[in-house]
Amino acid sequence: LRGVVLAAGNDRPHVITQVTEHPA
């Protein structure tokens, strides 16, 4: 997650997950 977001280089990157994901 962090690797993709920081490599993307966007000012305001958007991530999608779902409410029952693992806390990690």
PDB file of all heavy atoms in Angstrom:
ATOM      1  N   LEU A   1       0.827  -1.217   0.000  1.00  0.00           N
ATOM      2  CA  LEU A   1       0.000   0.000   0.000  1.00  0.00           C
ATOM      3  C   LEU A   1       0.857   1.262   0.000  1.00  0.00           C
ATOM      4  O   LEU A   1       0.699   2.135  -0.857  1.00  0.00           O
ATOM      5  CB  LEU A   1      -0.942  -0.003   1.208  1.00  0.00           C
ATOM      6  CG  LEU A   1      -2.283  -0.705   0.985  1.00  0.00           C
ATOM      7  CD1 LEU A   1      -2.106  -2.215   0.844  1.00  0.00           C
ATOM      8  CD2 LEU A   1      -3.254  -0.412   2.130  1.00  0.00           C
ATOM      9  N   ARG A   2       1.753   1.348   0.956  1.00  0.00           N
ATOM     10  CA  ARG A   2       2.598   2.541   1.026  1.00  0.00           C
ATOM     11  C   ARG A   2       3.511   2.624  -0.193  1.00  0.00           C
ATOM     12  O   ARG A   2       3.739   3.717  -0.736  1.00  0.00           O
ATOM     13  CB  ARG A   2       3.435   2.504   2.303  1.00  0.00           C
ATOM     14  CG  ARG A   2       4.358   3.714   2.488  1.00  0.00           C
ATOM     15  CD  ARG A   2       5.217   3.541   3.732  1.00  0.00           C
ATOM     16  NE  ARG A   2       6.178   4.624   3.869  1.00  0.00           N
ATOM     17  CZ  ARG A   2       7.354   4.661   3.260  1.00  0.00           C
ATOM     18  NH1 ARG A   2       7.706   3.682   2.432  1.00  0.00           N
ATOM     19  NH2 ARG A   2       8.178   5.681   3.454  1.00  0.00           N
ATOM     20  N   GLY A   3       4.003   1.452  -0.624  1.00  0.00           N
ATOM     21  CA  GLY A   3       4.899   1.438  -1.769  1.00  0.00           C
ATOM     22  C   GLY A   3       4.265   1.978  -3.028  1.00  0.00           C
ATOM     23  O   GLY A   3       4.887   2.739  -3.774  1.00  0.00           O
ATOM     24  N   VAL A   4       3.017   1.591  -3.284  1.00  0.00           N
ATOM     25  CA  VAL A   4       2.330   2.076  -4.475  1.00  0.00           C
ATOM     26  C   VAL A   4       2.028   3.564  -4.364  1.00  0.00           C
ATOM     27  O   VAL A   4       2.252   4.336  -5.311  1.00  0.00           O
ATOM     28  CB  VAL A   4       1.021   1.284  -4.703  1.00  0.00           C
ATOM     29  CG1 VAL A   4       0.150   1.974  -5.750  1.00  0.00           C
ATOM     30  CG2 VAL A   4       1.334  -0.134  -5.146  1.00  0.00           C
ATOM     31  N   VAL A   5       1.508   3.985  -3.226  1.00  0.00           N
ATOM     32  CA  VAL A   5       1.113   5.386  -3.068  1.00  0.00           C
ATOM     33  C   VAL A   5       2.307   6.321  -3.225  1.00  0.00           C
ATOM     34  O   VAL A   5       2.234   7.335  -3.938  1.00  0.00           O
ATOM     35  CB  VAL A   5       0.435   5.595  -1.701  1.00  0.00           C
ATOM     36  CG1 VAL A   5       0.322   7.080  -1.364  1.00  0.00           C
ATOM     37  CG2 VAL A   5      -0.956   4.949  -1.700  1.00  0.00           C
ATOM     38  N   LEU A   6       3.429   5.995  -2.580  1.00  0.00           N
ATOM     39  CA  LEU A   6       4.586   6.891  -2.670  1.00  0.00           C
ATOM     40  C   LEU A   6       5.249   6.833  -4.037  1.00  0.00           C
ATOM     41  O   LEU A   6       5.780   7.833  -4.517  1.00  0.00           O
ATOM     42  CB  LEU A   6       5.597   6.546  -1.574  1.00  0.00           C
ATOM     43  CG  LEU A   6       5.131   6.762  -0.128  1.00  0.00           C
ATOM     44  CD1 LEU A   6       6.293   6.628   0.829  1.00  0.00           C
ATOM     45  CD2 LEU A   6       4.464   8.124   0.041  1.00  0.00           C
ATOM     46  N   ALA A   7       5.203   5.678  -4.688  1.00  0.00           N
ATOM     47  CA  ALA A   7       5.799   5.580  -6.028  1.00  0.00           C
ATOM     48  C   ALA A   7       4.959   6.287  -7.073  1.00  0.00           C
ATOM     49  O   ALA A   7       5.482   6.708  -8.119  1.00  0.00           O
ATOM     50  CB  ALA A   7       5.976   4.111  -6.411  1.00  0.00           C
ATOM     51  N   ALA A   8       3.669   6.453  -6.799  1.00  0.00           N
ATOM     52  CA  ALA A   8       2.783   7.086  -7.784  1.00  0.00           C
ATOM     53  C   ALA A   8       3.115   8.551  -7.983  1.00  0.00           C
ATOM     54  O   ALA A   8       2.944   9.091  -9.084  1.00  0.00           O
ATOM     55  CB  ALA A   8       1.331   6.932  -7.351  1.00  0.00           C
ATOM     56  N   GLY A   9       3.565   9.216  -6.919  1.00  0.00           N
ATOM     57  CA  GLY A   9       3.949  10.618  -7.030  1.00  0.00           C
ATOM     58  C   GLY A   9       2.785  11.587  -7.179  1.00  0.00           C
ATOM     59  O   GLY A   9       2.996  12.745  -7.551  1.00  0.00           O
ATOM     60  N   ASN A  10       1.571  11.155  -6.895  1.00  0.00           N
ATOM     61  CA  ASN A  10       0.406  12.047  -6.994  1.00  0.00           C
ATOM     62  C   ASN A  10       0.317  12.945  -5.774  1.00  0.00           C
ATOM     63  O   ASN A  10       0.672  12.542  -4.660  1.00  0.00           O
ATOM     64  CB  ASN A  10      -0.889  11.227  -7.101  1.00  0.00           C
ATOM     65  CG  ASN A  10      -0.939  10.418  -8.384  1.00  0.00           C
ATOM     66  OD1 ASN A  10       0.044  10.315  -9.100  1.00  0.00           O
ATOM     67  ND2 ASN A  10      -2.091   9.845  -8.679  1.00  0.00           N
ATOM     68  N   ASP A  11      -0.207  14.148  -5.981  1.00  0.00           N
ATOM     69  CA  ASP A  11      -0.385  15.053  -4.855  1.00  0.00           C
ATOM     70  C   ASP A  11      -1.455  14.539  -3.887  1.00  0.00           C
ATOM     71  O   ASP A  11      -1.313  14.679  -2.682  1.00  0.00           O
ATOM     72  CB  ASP A  11      -0.780  16.453  -5.349  1.00  0.00           C
ATOM     73  CG  ASP A  11       0.358  17.149  -6.065  1.00  0.00           C
ATOM     74  OD1 ASP A  11       1.527  16.775  -5.799  1.00  0.00           O
ATOM     75  OD2 ASP A  11       0.099  18.038  -6.893  1.00  0.00           O
ATOM     76  N   ARG A  12      -2.523  13.979  -4.427  1.00  0.00           N
ATOM     77  CA  ARG A  12      -3.591  13.452  -3.578  1.00  0.00           C
ATOM     78  C   ARG A  12      -4.045  12.099  -4.135  1.00  0.00           C
ATOM     79  O   ARG A  12      -5.101  11.980  -4.752  1.00  0.00           O
ATOM     80  CB  ARG A  12      -4.754  14.442  -3.502  1.00  0.00           C
ATOM     81  CG  ARG A  12      -5.796  14.038  -2.455  1.00  0.00           C
ATOM     82  CD  ARG A  12      -6.656  15.239  -2.047  1.00  0.00           C
ATOM     83  NE  ARG A  12      -7.763  14.863  -1.189  1.00  0.00           N
ATOM     84  CZ  ARG A  12      -7.651  14.518   0.085  1.00  0.00           C
ATOM     85  NH1 ARG A  12      -6.451  14.465   0.635  1.00  0.00           N
ATOM     86  NH2 ARG A  12      -8.722  14.216   0.806  1.00  0.00           N
ATOM     87  N   PRO A  13      -3.242  11.075  -3.913  1.00  0.00           N
ATOM     88  CA  PRO A  13      -3.584   9.756  -4.458  1.00  0.00           C
ATOM     89  C   PRO A  13      -4.835   9.184  -3.797  1.00  0.00           C
ATOM     90  O   PRO A  13      -5.105   9.445  -2.618  1.00  0.00           O
ATOM     91  CB  PRO A  13      -2.352   8.908  -4.139  1.00  0.00           C
ATOM     92  CG  PRO A  13      -1.745   9.581  -2.938  1.00  0.00           C
ATOM     93  CD  PRO A  13      -1.996  11.043  -3.121  1.00  0.00           C
ATOM     94  N   HIS A  14      -5.563   8.417  -4.560  1.00  0.00           N
ATOM     95  CA  HIS A  14      -6.801   7.820  -4.072  1.00  0.00           C
ATOM     96  C   HIS A  14      -6.624   6.306  -3.952  1.00  0.00           C
ATOM     97  O   HIS A  14      -6.157   5.649  -4.880  1.00  0.00           O
ATOM     98  CB  HIS A  14      -7.954   8.137  -5.041  1.00  0.00           C
ATOM     99  CG  HIS A  14      -9.272   7.559  -4.633  1.00  0.00           C
ATOM    100  ND1 HIS A  14     -10.116   6.926  -5.530  1.00  0.00           N
ATOM    101  CD2 HIS A  14      -9.902   7.515  -3.433  1.00  0.00           C
ATOM    102  CE1 HIS A  14     -11.211   6.528  -4.891  1.00  0.00           C
ATOM    103  NE2 HIS A  14     -11.104   6.870  -3.621  1.00  0.00           N
ATOM    104  N   VAL A  15      -6.974   5.757  -2.792  1.00  0.00           N
ATOM    105  CA  VAL A  15      -6.879   4.328  -2.508  1.00  0.00           C
ATOM    106  C   VAL A  15      -8.274   3.828  -2.162  1.00  0.00           C
ATOM    107  O   VAL A  15      -9.046   4.523  -1.498  1.00  0.00           O
ATOM    108  CB  VAL A  15      -5.901   4.049  -1.348  1.00  0.00           C
ATOM    109  CG1 VAL A  15      -5.895   2.561  -0.977  1.00  0.00           C
ATOM    110  CG2 VAL A  15      -4.503   4.523  -1.692  1.00  0.00           C
ATOM    111  N   ILE A  16      -8.585   2.621  -2.597  1.00  0.00           N
ATOM    112  CA  ILE A  16      -9.876   2.006  -2.280  1.00  0.00           C
ATOM    113  C   ILE A  16      -9.637   0.682  -1.571  1.00  0.00           C
ATOM    114  O   ILE A  16      -8.818  -0.128  -2.012  1.00  0.00           O
ATOM    115  CB  ILE A  16     -10.711   1.757  -3.556  1.00  0.00           C
ATOM    116  CG1 ILE A  16     -10.989   3.078  -4.291  1.00  0.00           C
ATOM    117  CG2 ILE A  16     -12.028   1.066  -3.216  1.00  0.00           C
ATOM    118  CD1 ILE A  16     -11.696   2.887  -5.631  1.00  0.00           C
ATOM    119  N   THR A  17     -10.332   0.483  -0.471  1.00  0.00           N
ATOM    120  CA  THR A  17     -10.321  -0.808   0.199  1.00  0.00           C
ATOM    121  C   THR A  17     -11.744  -1.090   0.647  1.00  0.00           C
ATOM    122  O   THR A  17     -12.686  -0.441   0.194  1.00  0.00           O
ATOM    123  CB  THR A  17      -9.317  -0.837   1.369  1.00  0.00           C
ATOM    124  OG1 THR A  17      -9.221  -2.170   1.881  1.00  0.00           O
ATOM    125  CG2 THR A  17      -9.705   0.121   2.471  1.00  0.00           C
ATOM    126  N   GLN A  18     -11.927  -2.074   1.525  1.00  0.00           N
ATOM    127  CA  GLN A  18     -13.282  -2.375   1.984  1.00  0.00           C
ATOM    128  C   GLN A  18     -13.297  -2.508   3.507  1.00  0.00           C
ATOM    129  O   GLN A  18     -12.257  -2.741   4.135  1.00  0.00           O
ATOM    130  CB  GLN A  18     -13.834  -3.616   1.293  1.00  0.00           C
ATOM    131  CG  GLN A  18     -12.901  -4.793   1.243  1.00  0.00           C
ATOM    132  CD  GLN A  18     -13.252  -5.882   2.240  1.00  0.00           C
ATOM    133  OE1 GLN A  18     -14.358  -5.945   2.729  1.00  0.00           O
ATOM    134  NE2 GLN A  18     -12.308  -6.751   2.530  1.00  0.00           N
ATOM    135  N   VAL A  19     -14.472  -2.372   4.082  1.00  0.00           N
ATOM    136  CA  VAL A  19     -14.581  -2.173   5.526  1.00  0.00           C
ATOM    137  C   VAL A  19     -14.197  -3.394   6.344  1.00  0.00           C
ATOM    138  O   VAL A  19     -13.873  -3.258   7.524  1.00  0.00           O
ATOM    139  CB  VAL A  19     -16.009  -1.724   5.922  1.00  0.00           C
ATOM    140  CG1 VAL A  19     -16.299  -0.327   5.396  1.00  0.00           C
ATOM    141  CG2 VAL A  19     -17.054  -2.727   5.414  1.00  0.00           C
ATOM    142  N   THR A  20     -14.199  -4.583   5.769  1.00  0.00           N
ATOM    143  CA  THR A  20     -13.869  -5.779   6.546  1.00  0.00           C
ATOM    144  C   THR A  20     -12.450  -6.266   6.305  1.00  0.00           C
ATOM    145  O   THR A  20     -12.113  -7.419   6.590  1.00  0.00           O
ATOM    146  CB  THR A  20     -14.862  -6.927   6.248  1.00  0.00           C
ATOM    147  OG1 THR A  20     -14.822  -7.248   4.853  1.00  0.00           O
ATOM    148  CG2 THR A  20     -16.279  -6.524   6.620  1.00  0.00           C
ATOM    149  N   GLU A  21     -11.594  -5.403   5.799  1.00  0.00           N
ATOM    150  CA  GLU A  21     -10.184  -5.769   5.605  1.00  0.00           C
ATOM    151  C   GLU A  21      -9.487  -6.037   6.945  1.00  0.00           C
ATOM    152  O   GLU A  21      -9.941  -5.590   8.006  1.00  0.00           O
ATOM    153  CB  GLU A  21      -9.436  -4.635   4.894  1.00  0.00           C
ATOM    154  CG  GLU A  21      -9.570  -4.645   3.398  1.00  0.00           C
ATOM    155  CD  GLU A  21      -8.920  -5.836   2.735  1.00  0.00           C
ATOM    156  OE1 GLU A  21      -7.812  -6.232   3.138  1.00  0.00           O
ATOM    157  OE2 GLU A  21      -9.525  -6.388   1.808  1.00  0.00           O
ATOM    158  N   HIS A  22      -8.347  -6.698   6.875  1.00  0.00           N
ATOM    159  CA  HIS A  22      -7.503  -6.913   8.043  1.00  0.00           C
ATOM    160  C   HIS A  22      -6.956  -5.559   8.520  1.00  0.00           C
ATOM    161  O   HIS A  22      -6.712  -4.662   7.711  1.00  0.00           O
ATOM    162  CB  HIS A  22      -6.351  -7.843   7.670  1.00  0.00           C
ATOM    163  CG  HIS A  22      -5.565  -8.329   8.844  1.00  0.00           C
ATOM    164  ND1 HIS A  22      -4.554  -7.583   9.421  1.00  0.00           N
ATOM    165  CD2 HIS A  22      -5.645  -9.475   9.574  1.00  0.00           C
ATOM    166  CE1 HIS A  22      -4.037  -8.252  10.434  1.00  0.00           C
ATOM    167  NE2 HIS A  22      -4.679  -9.407  10.550  1.00  0.00           N
ATOM    168  N   PRO A  23      -6.751  -5.399   9.834  1.00  0.00           N
ATOM    169  CA  PRO A  23      -6.184  -4.137  10.338  1.00  0.00           C
ATOM    170  C   PRO A  23      -4.868  -3.743   9.693  1.00  0.00           C
ATOM    171  O   PRO A  23      -4.544  -2.549   9.629  1.00  0.00           O
ATOM    172  CB  PRO A  23      -6.005  -4.408  11.837  1.00  0.00           C
ATOM    173  CG  PRO A  23      -7.063  -5.411  12.162  1.00  0.00           C
ATOM    174  CD  PRO A  23      -7.157  -6.291  10.936  1.00  0.00           C
ATOM    175  N   ALA A  24      -4.083  -4.700   9.203  1.00  0.00           N
ATOM    176  CA  ALA A  24      -2.822  -4.351   8.549  1.00  0.00           C
ATOM    177  C   ALA A  24      -3.057  -3.471   7.335  1.00  0.00           C
ATOM    178  O   ALA A  24      -2.229  -2.612   7.006  1.00  0.00           O
ATOM    179  CB  ALA A  24      -2.072  -5.618   8.133  1.00  0.00           C
TER     180      ALA A  24
END
